Amino acid sequence: MTSAPQSQPAPARPTSRDVARAAGVSQATVSLVLGDKWRGRVSEATAERVRHAAHELGYQPNLAARSLRLGRTRTALLVVPALTNEFFARVYTGAAAVAAEHGFGVVLYPSPEGTGPARDPFASARASLDGVIASSMAAGALDVLRGAGLPLVMLDSDPADTGVAARVNLDIADGMRQVAEHLLALGHRRFVHLASAVDTWTFAVRARALHDALGAVPGTSVRTVTAPLDVQAGREGAEHALGASGPRPTAIVCDDDILAAGACKAARRLGLRVPDDLSVTGFDDLALATAVEPELTTVQLPAEQVGERGMAALLAVLDGRPAEPGSLPVHLVARGSSAPPSADGQHS
């Protein structure tokens, strides 16, 4: 009777020692290169040789052992005001892409409206996370998480807020200045600002920049109406502003694309044509901006880049390096919802 074939032992998992031997370097050099801490210590050619050897051998670092050794979980928490807003989904995409390149994971956690307070999502955030990234949040919304002693990176937030390890901001004020300059150049002088009712830094900056830009031009008027961030509230706010006594505004400047969609609906209900009778602008350049007709003139925010820079900043803080400084630029995308005011609109 023939015996059953013996099962072959699984091939040994390649180690950092194997990578070092294949690349002709020390294990310390392998750790520097694969931990992305080689710059200034190892040549580019040596780093490439180590990466090539690791790839050829199929080497995967033992993250569990490394986490125990470093006292890290290689996990970041991304706190956002809402999961339903496409902007924050794109921020997450950018953060997760950079995290994956460095063997990190990103946990996404919503805090209602960004005004909080955000609850500690785990029994002890300190035990479960290496750091926190928070996007477009109010200053006091993260006190519980700050109390955990974790490094905090703030995105799109007040530069005056203290207790922050790093910050990544968009040039929000310049975006609103671009909107104002665009509409003023078209000849508009009577404006409504359909403002978000959410009390956060990013919306306060939009309001201040718009009023400063319009106030610098003689003969302009601007009325502010606030509304929660949804289409119906935007429609109701715009209807109220357009139905008020006195000369009708010729342009509605909205704090985001969702409110702008509501303003376009209000115009239709009142028998006004966009942009013939009323120009409407948004902010964010969500998918919604090109789903409506006419397509929205809006400010494009590089949401994925915000997430990328935020995660890179957290990694820098954890490594004791300075985060990349400076605000990310934004730019106006002029589409069909803005045009010069009609002769009737100018004199009505």
Protein backbone atom coordinates (compact mmCIF):
# COMPACT_ATOMS: atom_id res chain seq x y z
CA MET A 1 0.00 0.00 0.00
CA THR A 2 1.41 3.36 -1.02
CA SER A 3 1.61 6.04 1.59
CA ALA A 4 -0.15 9.36 1.13
CA PRO A 5 2.06 12.07 -0.29
CA GLN A 6 3.60 14.26 2.36
CA SER A 7 2.31 17.84 2.32
CA GLN A 8 4.99 20.39 1.52
CA PRO A 9 5.71 22.95 4.20
CA ALA A 10 4.63 26.47 3.29
CA PRO A 11 7.51 28.54 1.97
CA ALA A 12 9.04 30.72 4.64
CA ARG A 13 7.83 34.29 4.61
CA PRO A 14 10.64 36.60 3.47
CA THR A 15 12.11 38.73 6.22
CA SER A 16 13.82 42.11 6.31
CA ARG A 17 17.08 40.15 6.66
CA ASP A 18 16.36 38.50 3.30
CA VAL A 19 15.72 41.91 1.74
CA ALA A 20 18.94 43.28 3.23
CA ARG A 21 20.95 40.32 1.88
CA ALA A 22 19.39 40.66 -1.61
CA ALA A 23 20.01 44.41 -1.72
CA GLY A 24 23.49 44.21 -0.19
CA VAL A 25 22.65 46.53 2.69
CA SER A 26 22.08 46.35 6.44
CA GLN A 27 18.72 45.59 8.05
CA ALA A 28 18.77 49.09 9.50
CA THR A 29 18.89 50.50 5.97
CA VAL A 30 15.95 48.31 4.96
CA SER A 31 13.97 49.67 7.94
CA LEU A 32 14.81 53.26 6.99
CA VAL A 33 13.79 52.81 3.36
CA LEU A 34 10.60 50.81 3.92
CA GLY A 35 9.63 53.12 6.80
CA ASP A 36 10.06 56.08 4.42
CA LYS A 37 12.68 57.68 6.68
CA TRP A 38 15.67 57.29 4.38
CA ARG A 39 15.94 60.80 2.95
CA GLY A 40 19.17 62.46 4.02
CA ARG A 41 20.51 59.16 5.35
CA VAL A 42 20.51 56.82 2.34
CA SER A 43 21.11 57.56 -1.35
CA GLU A 44 18.25 57.45 -3.86
CA ALA A 45 20.00 54.56 -5.68
CA THR A 46 20.27 52.52 -2.47
CA ALA A 47 16.64 53.20 -1.58
CA GLU A 48 15.55 52.06 -5.03
CA ARG A 49 17.65 48.89 -4.69
CA VAL A 50 15.98 48.07 -1.37
CA ARG A 51 12.48 48.70 -2.76
CA HIS A 52 13.25 46.52 -5.80
CA ALA A 53 14.55 43.67 -3.61
CA ALA A 54 11.49 43.85 -1.35
CA HIS A 55 9.20 43.74 -4.39
CA GLU A 56 11.04 40.80 -5.99
CA LEU A 57 10.92 38.80 -2.76
CA GLY A 58 7.30 39.69 -2.06
CA TYR A 59 8.30 41.06 1.34
CA GLN A 60 5.51 42.44 3.53
CA PRO A 61 6.45 44.12 6.82
CA ASN A 62 4.93 42.62 9.94
CA LEU A 63 2.77 45.61 10.89
CA ALA A 64 1.43 43.97 14.03
CA ALA A 65 4.93 43.45 15.43
CA ARG A 66 5.97 46.92 14.33
CA SER A 67 2.94 48.45 16.02
CA LEU A 68 3.81 46.73 19.30
CA ARG A 69 7.42 47.87 19.01
CA LEU A 70 6.53 51.50 18.24
CA GLY A 71 3.41 51.68 20.40
CA ARG A 72 1.34 52.54 17.31
CA THR A 73 -1.82 51.10 15.80
CA ARG A 74 -1.17 52.66 12.36
CA THR A 75 -4.74 53.95 12.35
CA ALA A 76 -5.99 57.51 11.90
CA LEU A 77 -9.47 58.83 12.60
CA LEU A 78 -11.02 61.21 10.06
CA VAL A 79 -13.84 63.24 11.62
CA VAL A 80 -16.25 64.94 9.20
CA PRO A 81 -19.54 66.83 9.68
CA ALA A 82 -21.59 64.52 7.44
CA LEU A 83 -21.26 61.32 5.43
CA THR A 84 -23.82 62.48 2.86
CA ASN A 85 -21.74 65.35 1.48
CA GLU A 86 -19.63 64.39 -1.50
CA PHE A 87 -16.87 66.84 -0.50
CA PHE A 88 -16.04 64.80 2.62
CA ALA A 89 -16.16 61.54 0.69
CA ARG A 90 -13.46 62.96 -1.59
CA VAL A 91 -11.42 64.17 1.40
CA TYR A 92 -11.56 60.60 2.75
CA THR A 93 -10.47 59.17 -0.62
CA GLY A 94 -7.38 61.37 -0.63
CA ALA A 95 -6.49 60.64 2.99
CA ALA A 96 -6.97 56.88 2.57
CA ALA A 97 -4.76 56.79 -0.56
CA VAL A 98 -1.80 58.39 1.26
CA ALA A 99 -2.44 56.28 4.37
CA ALA A 100 -2.36 53.06 2.33
CA GLU A 101 1.03 53.99 0.88
CA HIS A 102 2.40 54.04 4.43
CA GLY A 103 0.63 51.00 5.84
CA PHE A 104 -1.98 53.05 7.71
CA GLY A 105 -5.75 52.70 7.83
CA VAL A 106 -8.29 55.52 8.09
CA VAL A 107 -11.50 55.24 10.12
CA LEU A 108 -14.24 57.63 9.02
CA TYR A 109 -16.40 59.14 11.75
CA PRO A 110 -19.25 61.68 11.38
CA SER A 111 -19.91 64.43 13.92
CA PRO A 112 -23.31 66.06 13.35
CA GLU A 113 -23.08 69.29 11.35
CA GLY A 114 -19.49 69.90 12.36
CA THR A 115 -20.53 71.86 15.42
CA GLY A 116 -20.39 68.80 17.69
CA PRO A 117 -19.49 67.97 20.24
CA ALA A 118 -17.95 64.85 18.71
CA ARG A 119 -18.09 61.86 21.04
CA ASP A 120 -15.06 59.67 21.61
CA PRO A 121 -15.79 56.94 19.01
CA PHE A 122 -13.95 54.26 20.99
CA ALA A 123 -13.79 53.39 24.67
CA SER A 124 -10.41 55.05 24.63
CA ALA A 125 -9.33 56.87 21.49
CA ARG A 126 -5.77 56.96 22.80
CA ALA A 127 -5.59 53.15 22.84
CA SER A 128 -7.05 52.71 19.37
CA LEU A 129 -5.60 55.51 17.25
CA ASP A 130 -2.35 57.22 16.32
CA GLY A 131 -3.95 60.55 15.47
CA VAL A 132 -7.03 62.47 14.39
CA ILE A 133 -7.76 64.45 11.22
CA ALA A 134 -10.82 66.69 11.35
CA SER A 135 -12.38 68.42 8.35
CA SER A 136 -14.44 71.65 8.48
CA MET A 137 -15.27 71.37 12.17
CA ALA A 138 -16.18 74.00 14.73
CA ALA A 139 -13.46 75.01 17.19
CA GLY A 140 -15.03 73.40 20.26
CA ALA A 141 -16.33 70.24 18.59
CA LEU A 142 -13.27 68.09 19.22
CA ASP A 143 -12.58 68.68 22.91
CA VAL A 144 -13.18 65.04 23.85
CA LEU A 145 -10.76 63.78 21.22
CA ARG A 146 -8.18 66.42 22.16
CA GLY A 147 -8.45 65.21 25.71
CA ALA A 148 -7.18 61.81 24.54
CA GLY A 149 -3.78 63.44 23.93
CA LEU A 150 -3.66 62.45 20.27
CA PRO A 151 -2.05 64.63 17.59
CA LEU A 152 -4.81 66.56 15.82
CA VAL A 153 -4.63 67.79 12.22
CA MET A 154 -7.34 70.27 11.26
CA LEU A 155 -8.57 70.72 7.69
CA ASP A 156 -10.44 73.84 6.49
CA SER A 157 -10.48 75.36 9.97
CA ASP A 158 -9.73 78.49 11.98
CA PRO A 159 -5.98 79.33 12.04
CA ALA A 160 -6.48 80.97 15.44
CA ASP A 161 -7.62 77.69 17.02
CA THR A 162 -4.99 76.37 19.44
CA GLY A 163 -3.96 72.86 20.39
CA VAL A 164 -3.52 71.71 16.79
CA ALA A 165 -0.50 69.70 15.64
CA ALA A 166 -0.87 70.76 12.00
CA ARG A 167 -3.37 72.46 9.73
CA VAL A 168 -4.32 72.21 6.04
CA ASN A 169 -6.46 75.05 4.73
CA LEU A 170 -7.97 76.04 1.42
CA ASP A 171 -7.81 79.64 0.25
CA ILE A 172 -11.55 79.99 0.88
CA ALA A 173 -11.45 83.80 1.02
CA ASP A 174 -9.84 83.99 -2.41
CA GLY A 175 -12.53 81.68 -3.81
CA MET A 176 -15.28 84.02 -2.67
CA ARG A 177 -13.33 87.03 -4.00
CA GLN A 178 -13.19 85.30 -7.39
CA VAL A 179 -16.99 84.90 -7.32
CA ALA A 180 -17.49 88.57 -6.46
CA GLU A 181 -15.07 89.77 -9.13
CA HIS A 182 -16.74 87.55 -11.74
CA LEU A 183 -20.23 88.88 -11.00
CA LEU A 184 -19.11 92.50 -10.67
CA ALA A 185 -17.32 92.27 -14.03
CA LEU A 186 -20.58 91.03 -15.58
CA GLY A 187 -22.28 94.19 -14.31
CA HIS A 188 -24.16 92.95 -11.23
CA ARG A 189 -24.68 95.39 -8.36
CA ARG A 190 -27.65 93.99 -6.39
CA PHE A 191 -26.81 90.77 -4.57
CA VAL A 192 -28.24 88.24 -2.16
CA HIS A 193 -25.85 86.14 -0.12
CA LEU A 194 -27.55 82.80 0.55
CA ALA A 195 -25.42 81.82 3.53
CA SER A 196 -25.07 78.52 5.38
CA ALA A 197 -26.68 78.47 8.82
CA VAL A 198 -23.82 76.24 10.06
CA ASP A 199 -21.59 78.26 12.39
CA THR A 200 -18.07 77.22 11.34
CA TRP A 201 -14.92 79.08 10.32
CA THR A 202 -15.14 78.18 6.64
CA PHE A 203 -18.59 79.79 6.23
CA ALA A 204 -17.64 82.84 8.30
CA VAL A 205 -14.68 83.40 5.95
CA ARG A 206 -16.94 83.15 2.89
CA ALA A 207 -19.30 85.79 4.28
CA ARG A 208 -16.53 88.17 5.28
CA ALA A 209 -14.68 87.87 1.96
CA LEU A 210 -17.86 88.39 -0.08
CA HIS A 211 -19.00 91.45 1.86
CA ASP A 212 -15.50 92.99 1.76
CA ALA A 213 -15.22 92.48 -2.02
CA LEU A 214 -18.68 93.83 -2.81
CA GLY A 215 -18.43 96.67 -0.30
CA ALA A 216 -15.32 97.98 -2.03
CA VAL A 217 -17.34 98.79 -5.18
CA PRO A 218 -19.63 101.86 -5.02
CA GLY A 219 -23.29 101.33 -5.82
CA THR A 220 -23.48 97.69 -4.73
CA SER A 221 -25.94 96.27 -2.23
CA VAL A 222 -25.97 92.83 -0.62
CA ARG A 223 -28.56 91.22 1.61
CA THR A 224 -27.79 88.07 3.60
CA VAL A 225 -30.27 85.24 4.08
CA THR A 226 -29.22 82.13 6.05
CA ALA A 227 -30.45 78.59 5.45
CA PRO A 228 -29.59 75.06 6.60
CA LEU A 229 -27.53 73.06 4.13
CA ASP A 230 -30.21 71.34 2.09
CA VAL A 231 -31.94 72.05 -1.21
CA GLN A 232 -35.39 72.74 0.22
CA ALA A 233 -34.06 75.22 2.79
CA GLY A 234 -32.04 76.90 0.05
CA ARG A 235 -35.17 77.20 -2.09
CA GLU A 236 -37.20 78.68 0.76
CA GLY A 237 -34.45 81.15 1.67
CA ALA A 238 -34.05 82.28 -1.93
CA GLU A 239 -37.82 82.64 -2.41
CA HIS A 240 -37.98 84.82 0.68
CA ALA A 241 -35.13 87.04 -0.55
CA LEU A 242 -36.48 87.33 -4.10
CA GLY A 243 -39.99 88.11 -2.86
CA ALA A 244 -38.90 90.96 -0.59
CA SER A 245 -39.98 94.51 -1.37
CA GLY A 246 -37.68 96.83 -3.30
CA PRO A 247 -35.56 96.29 -6.41
CA ARG A 248 -35.04 92.60 -7.15
CA PRO A 249 -31.46 91.28 -6.81
CA THR A 250 -29.79 90.25 -10.06
CA ALA A 251 -27.41 87.68 -8.53
CA ILE A 252 -27.55 85.16 -5.67
CA VAL A 253 -24.19 84.11 -4.25
CA CYS A 254 -24.54 80.79 -2.39
CA ASP A 255 -22.22 79.32 0.24
CA ASP A 256 -22.29 75.96 -1.47
CA ASP A 257 -23.72 74.09 -4.48
CA ILE A 258 -26.56 72.52 -2.48
CA LEU A 259 -27.94 75.94 -1.56
CA ALA A 260 -27.39 77.09 -5.16
CA ALA A 261 -29.54 74.22 -6.43
CA GLY A 262 -32.28 75.42 -4.08
CA ALA A 263 -31.88 78.99 -5.39
CA CYS A 264 -32.32 77.75 -8.97
CA LYS A 265 -35.53 75.97 -7.95
CA ALA A 266 -36.79 79.15 -6.29
CA ALA A 267 -36.14 81.13 -9.46
CA ARG A 268 -38.14 78.66 -11.55
CA ARG A 269 -41.06 78.73 -9.09
CA LEU A 270 -41.13 82.52 -9.32
CA GLY A 271 -41.04 82.49 -13.13
CA LEU A 272 -37.46 83.78 -13.32
CA ARG A 273 -34.94 82.41 -15.80
CA VAL A 274 -31.36 81.55 -14.79
CA PRO A 275 -29.19 83.31 -15.88
CA ASP A 276 -31.34 85.71 -17.98
CA ASP A 277 -33.22 87.18 -15.02
CA LEU A 278 -31.03 85.96 -12.18
CA SER A 279 -27.43 84.74 -11.92
CA VAL A 280 -26.72 82.02 -9.34
CA THR A 281 -23.30 80.88 -8.09
CA GLY A 282 -22.29 77.99 -5.85
CA PHE A 283 -19.20 76.84 -3.96
CA ASP A 284 -17.45 73.41 -3.82
CA ASP A 285 -18.03 72.12 -7.40
CA LEU A 286 -19.87 68.97 -6.34
CA ALA A 287 -21.26 66.57 -8.96
CA LEU A 288 -24.53 68.44 -8.42
CA ALA A 289 -23.00 71.52 -10.09
CA THR A 290 -23.10 69.88 -13.52
CA ALA A 291 -26.30 67.90 -12.87
CA VAL A 292 -28.50 71.01 -12.76
CA GLU A 293 -29.51 73.01 -15.84
CA PRO A 294 -28.00 75.45 -16.49
CA GLU A 295 -24.80 74.13 -14.98
CA LEU A 296 -23.54 76.05 -11.95
CA THR A 297 -20.83 78.66 -11.89
CA THR A 298 -18.98 77.62 -8.74
CA VAL A 299 -15.65 77.50 -6.93
CA GLN A 300 -13.77 74.24 -7.34
CA LEU A 301 -12.20 72.92 -4.13
CA PRO A 302 -9.48 70.22 -4.46
CA ALA A 303 -11.09 67.92 -1.87
CA GLU A 304 -8.91 64.85 -2.50
CA GLN A 305 -5.78 66.98 -2.25
CA VAL A 306 -7.05 68.29 1.11
CA GLY A 307 -7.30 64.69 2.35
CA GLU A 308 -3.87 63.82 0.93
CA ARG A 309 -2.22 66.81 2.57
CA GLY A 310 -4.04 66.13 5.84
CA MET A 311 -2.81 62.54 6.06
CA ALA A 312 0.69 63.58 5.00
CA ALA A 313 0.65 66.21 7.76
CA LEU A 314 -0.33 63.62 10.38
CA LEU A 315 2.44 61.29 9.21
CA ALA A 316 4.90 64.16 9.43
CA VAL A 317 3.80 64.98 12.99
CA LEU A 318 4.14 61.32 14.03
CA ASP A 319 7.66 61.28 12.57
CA GLY A 320 8.63 64.55 14.24
CA ARG A 321 8.84 66.42 10.93
CA PRO A 322 7.22 69.77 10.05
CA ALA A 323 4.06 69.53 7.93
CA GLU A 324 3.99 71.19 4.52
CA PRO A 325 2.95 74.84 4.99
CA GLY A 326 0.61 77.02 2.93
CA SER A 327 -3.02 77.04 1.82
CA LEU A 328 -4.29 75.11 -1.19
CA PRO A 329 -5.46 77.33 -4.08
CA VAL A 330 -9.05 77.20 -5.36
CA HIS A 331 -10.46 78.48 -8.62
CA LEU A 332 -13.73 79.67 -10.10
CA VAL A 333 -15.37 77.55 -12.79
CA ALA A 334 -17.67 79.79 -14.85
CA ARG A 335 -20.62 77.90 -16.34
CA GLY A 336 -24.11 78.69 -17.57
CA SER A 337 -25.74 79.96 -14.37
CA SER A 338 -24.07 83.39 -14.51
CA ALA A 339 -24.44 86.10 -17.14
CA PRO A 340 -24.75 89.90 -17.35
CA PRO A 341 -27.97 91.23 -15.76
CA SER A 342 -30.78 91.92 -18.20
CA ALA A 343 -31.72 95.53 -18.95
CA ASP A 344 -35.03 94.90 -17.14
CA GLY A 345 -33.24 93.44 -14.14
CA GLN A 346 -30.88 96.37 -13.85
CA HIS A 347 -33.70 98.88 -13.60
CA SER A 348 -36.45 96.91 -11.84
